[in-house]
Structures are given as C-alpha cells and as structure tokens.
Amino acid sequence: MRRAARIEGQFRLRSGATATEYFDKYRFESDPVLLRAIAEAMTELLPSEVDALAGLELGGVPLATMLSQLTGYPTIFVRKRAKEYGTRQLAEGGEVAGKRLVVVEDVVTTGGQVIESTQALRSLGASIDTAVCAIDREAGGRDAMADIDLELRSLFTKQDLDGL
C-alpha cells in the first residue's frame, strides 16, 4: 500500500496543516485487488456488535462498501452535510436511529471529519463507539476522537508505513 499510495511534495491537509508526504487514498481505493486486500485486513478491526457500517464521503465509501461485501453488514453512506434537495438526508441507505454503527474512513489526520460525522450521526440516534480507518497519520486524530468517547482502530499508522 505504501508504494501505491504514498506521494511526496507539498500538500495542504483538511486540517489546514501542510505535509511533505501524502497518502493518496484514491490510488489504493481504485485498485480492486488492493482495495479488497485492505478491506479483508480491516474486517479484523470491526467490533463484535455492529448493525451497520457508516462510510464517510468520499474516501470511506469504497472501503465501507467492500467491508459490507466481506462481512454482510449493511452500509450507510454519510455525506459531509445533508443535501438541500431530494431526501435532504445526511445518511443515505438506511435508518441510523437505534443502530450500532461503525464509522469507516480512509485516512485520519486530526480526526475532524470523523468527529463531525460521528456527532451528527449520534444526534440522529445512532450509537457509535468505534471508527476504523486504513491509515492513521498520527497527527492527533486518535486523541481527539477519544475526547468524544470514540475509539480509533487503524490498519496502518504513519509509523508502520514509514517502516516499510
């Protein structure tokens, strides 16, 4: 995965920070063989009590979809914000109220989007205590999530990938 997804240069992250390396998730999510291998490994990260997977727009959606195929858990597709037309829903694909959801994300840096989405889903009645991701950039996301009682489980950390 490191060879497929790690690129070097100057990058601005969602958090506003800059980085000289970037994990381009689309490079591993667009490769069906690599995506399946990552999702197969991520199945081990899922808690035993799950009603559905909550794939975050955009990078969490392919991972959640593949995890759904491998585990049989339904997938909810979570927008960054509810659309202003049609159903006007934040979460598409099923009801979230009363469900035990696991948030699925591709790369976590500070955890901002995971936290925002978790809080929004909780306000809709979902129970969420775990988020899973392919890569934790180890830039404070894990601690920020712990502050809202959310455990982050990652397949790889930046340190893992640096060691490869």
Foldseek 3Di string as FASTA:
>chain_A
DLVQFKDADWDQDPVRDIDRIGGHLCSQLVDVVSLLVLLVLCLVVDDPAFQAEEQEPDARVSSRVSVCVVPVHHYWYAYLAQDPDDPSDRIPDDQAAPGEYEYEHEEAAQQVSVVSRVVVSVVSHHHYQEYEYAEYQPHNNQVVCVVVNHHYHYNYYVVRSVVD
